[in-house]
Amino acid sequence: MLAMVDYQRGQISAAYSELAQGRDVVEAKFSGGLDRGKSGGGYWYDWLFAKHLLQEATELIGSVSTNTPPEATDSAAQ
């Protein structure tokens, strides 16, 4: 969600960074398979919500690589 907020505010570099970080966390969780979960680490349905938000953010911002910095500047979205 923070990536989408940054993008809408015109903070493109921050949006790409947040999106990449979020992708890393969600993909790591799903790569090991979902379990029931627990209060401190999120329940299985929390991770499904996170994956849906990641998809939504990717559609809005675009697919980014964690190894490649964005070409856009922070003023490009305005």
C-alpha atoms as a PDB file:
ATOM      1  CA  MET A   1       0.000   0.000   0.000  1.00  0.00           C
ATOM      2  CA  LEU A   2       2.864   2.359   0.763  1.00  0.00           C
ATOM      3  CA  ALA A   3       4.239   1.860  -2.752  1.00  0.00           C
ATOM      4  CA  MET A   4       0.893   2.902  -4.245  1.00  0.00           C
ATOM      5  CA  VAL A   5       0.705   5.963  -1.983  1.00  0.00           C
ATOM      6  CA  ASP A   6       4.259   6.977  -2.910  1.00  0.00           C
ATOM      7  CA  TYR A   7       3.437   6.549  -6.595  1.00  0.00           C
ATOM      8  CA  GLN A   8       0.288   8.675  -6.360  1.00  0.00           C
ATOM      9  CA  ARG A   9       2.265  11.388  -4.560  1.00  0.00           C
ATOM     10  CA  GLY A  10       4.823  11.444  -7.354  1.00  0.00           C
ATOM     11  CA  GLN A  11       7.557   9.837  -5.270  1.00  0.00           C
ATOM     12  CA  ILE A  12       8.430   7.352  -7.983  1.00  0.00           C
ATOM     13  CA  SER A  13      11.797   6.167  -6.662  1.00  0.00           C
ATOM     14  CA  ALA A  14      10.291   5.466  -3.248  1.00  0.00           C
ATOM     15  CA  ALA A  15       7.371   3.650  -4.895  1.00  0.00           C
ATOM     16  CA  TYR A  16       9.688   1.348  -6.842  1.00  0.00           C
ATOM     17  CA  SER A  17      11.726   0.653  -3.716  1.00  0.00           C
ATOM     18  CA  GLU A  18       8.681  -0.133  -1.576  1.00  0.00           C
ATOM     19  CA  LEU A  19       7.208  -2.328  -4.301  1.00  0.00           C
ATOM     20  CA  ALA A  20      10.436  -4.315  -4.612  1.00  0.00           C
ATOM     21  CA  GLN A  21      10.664  -4.787  -0.838  1.00  0.00           C
ATOM     22  CA  GLY A  22       7.049  -5.862  -0.622  1.00  0.00           C
ATOM     23  CA  ARG A  23       7.507  -8.304  -3.476  1.00  0.00           C
ATOM     24  CA  ASP A  24      10.504  -9.872  -1.729  1.00  0.00           C
ATOM     25  CA  VAL A  25       8.555 -10.398   1.509  1.00  0.00           C
ATOM     26  CA  VAL A  26       5.427 -11.811  -0.145  1.00  0.00           C
ATOM     27  CA  GLU A  27       7.325 -14.088  -2.530  1.00  0.00           C
ATOM     28  CA  ALA A  28       9.457 -15.427   0.325  1.00  0.00           C
ATOM     29  CA  LYS A  29       6.338 -16.296   2.317  1.00  0.00           C
ATOM     30  CA  PHE A  30       4.634 -18.042  -0.600  1.00  0.00           C
ATOM     31  CA  SER A  31       7.769 -19.918  -1.683  1.00  0.00           C
ATOM     32  CA  GLY A  32       7.668 -21.954   1.518  1.00  0.00           C
ATOM     33  CA  GLY A  33       3.946 -22.582   1.316  1.00  0.00           C
ATOM     34  CA  LEU A  34       1.300 -21.124   3.555  1.00  0.00           C
ATOM     35  CA  ASP A  35       0.542 -22.493   6.972  1.00  0.00           C
ATOM     36  CA  ARG A  36      -2.167 -21.546   9.416  1.00  0.00           C
ATOM     37  CA  GLY A  37      -0.103 -18.681  10.708  1.00  0.00           C
ATOM     38  CA  LYS A  38      -0.054 -16.916  14.039  1.00  0.00           C
ATOM     39  CA  SER A  39      -0.758 -13.553  15.542  1.00  0.00           C
ATOM     40  CA  GLY A  40       2.763 -12.082  15.234  1.00  0.00           C
ATOM     41  CA  GLY A  41       3.513 -13.340  11.717  1.00  0.00           C
ATOM     42  CA  GLY A  42       0.138 -13.089  10.087  1.00  0.00           C
ATOM     43  CA  TYR A  43      -2.472 -15.694   9.372  1.00  0.00           C
ATOM     44  CA  TRP A  44      -2.830 -17.381   5.982  1.00  0.00           C
ATOM     45  CA  TYR A  45      -5.599 -14.985   4.905  1.00  0.00           C
ATOM     46  CA  ASP A  46      -3.425 -11.963   5.789  1.00  0.00           C
ATOM     47  CA  TRP A  47      -0.847 -13.224   3.296  1.00  0.00           C
ATOM     48  CA  LEU A  48      -3.519 -13.670   0.632  1.00  0.00           C
ATOM     49  CA  PHE A  49      -4.531 -10.036   1.157  1.00  0.00           C
ATOM     50  CA  ALA A  50      -0.863  -9.031   0.901  1.00  0.00           C
ATOM     51  CA  LYS A  51      -0.491 -10.944  -2.370  1.00  0.00           C
ATOM     52  CA  HIS A  52      -3.590  -9.263  -3.788  1.00  0.00           C
ATOM     53  CA  LEU A  53      -2.283  -5.823  -2.807  1.00  0.00           C
ATOM     54  CA  LEU A  54       1.074  -6.667  -4.394  1.00  0.00           C
ATOM     55  CA  GLN A  55      -0.707  -7.517  -7.652  1.00  0.00           C
ATOM     56  CA  GLU A  56      -2.680  -4.278  -7.489  1.00  0.00           C
ATOM     57  CA  ALA A  57       0.466  -2.234  -6.832  1.00  0.00           C
ATOM     58  CA  THR A  58       2.306  -3.969  -9.672  1.00  0.00           C
ATOM     59  CA  GLU A  59      -0.512  -3.120 -12.080  1.00  0.00           C
ATOM     60  CA  LEU A  60      -0.441   0.522 -10.979  1.00  0.00           C
ATOM     61  CA  ILE A  61       3.311   1.034 -10.812  1.00  0.00           C
ATOM     62  CA  GLY A  62       4.592  -1.623 -13.175  1.00  0.00           C
ATOM     63  CA  SER A  63       6.870  -4.552 -12.758  1.00  0.00           C
ATOM     64  CA  VAL A  64      10.207  -3.669 -11.215  1.00  0.00           C
ATOM     65  CA  SER A  65      13.400  -5.558 -10.669  1.00  0.00           C
ATOM     66  CA  THR A  66      15.081  -5.318  -7.272  1.00  0.00           C
ATOM     67  CA  ASN A  67      18.436  -5.096  -9.054  1.00  0.00           C
ATOM     68  CA  THR A  68      17.601  -2.236 -11.407  1.00  0.00           C
ATOM     69  CA  PRO A  69      16.927   1.274 -10.137  1.00  0.00           C
ATOM     70  CA  PRO A  70      13.980   3.061 -11.764  1.00  0.00           C
ATOM     71  CA  GLU A  71      14.634   5.330 -14.723  1.00  0.00           C
ATOM     72  CA  ALA A  72      11.919   7.755 -13.640  1.00  0.00           C
ATOM     73  CA  THR A  73      12.473  10.754 -11.429  1.00  0.00           C
ATOM     74  CA  ASP A  74      10.332  11.701  -8.466  1.00  0.00           C
ATOM     75  CA  SER A  75       8.621  14.454 -10.440  1.00  0.00           C
ATOM     76  CA  ALA A  76       7.663  12.246 -13.400  1.00  0.00           C
ATOM     77  CA  ALA A  77       4.238  11.255 -12.046  1.00  0.00           C
ATOM     78  CA  GLN A  78       3.019  14.802 -11.537  1.00  0.00           C
END
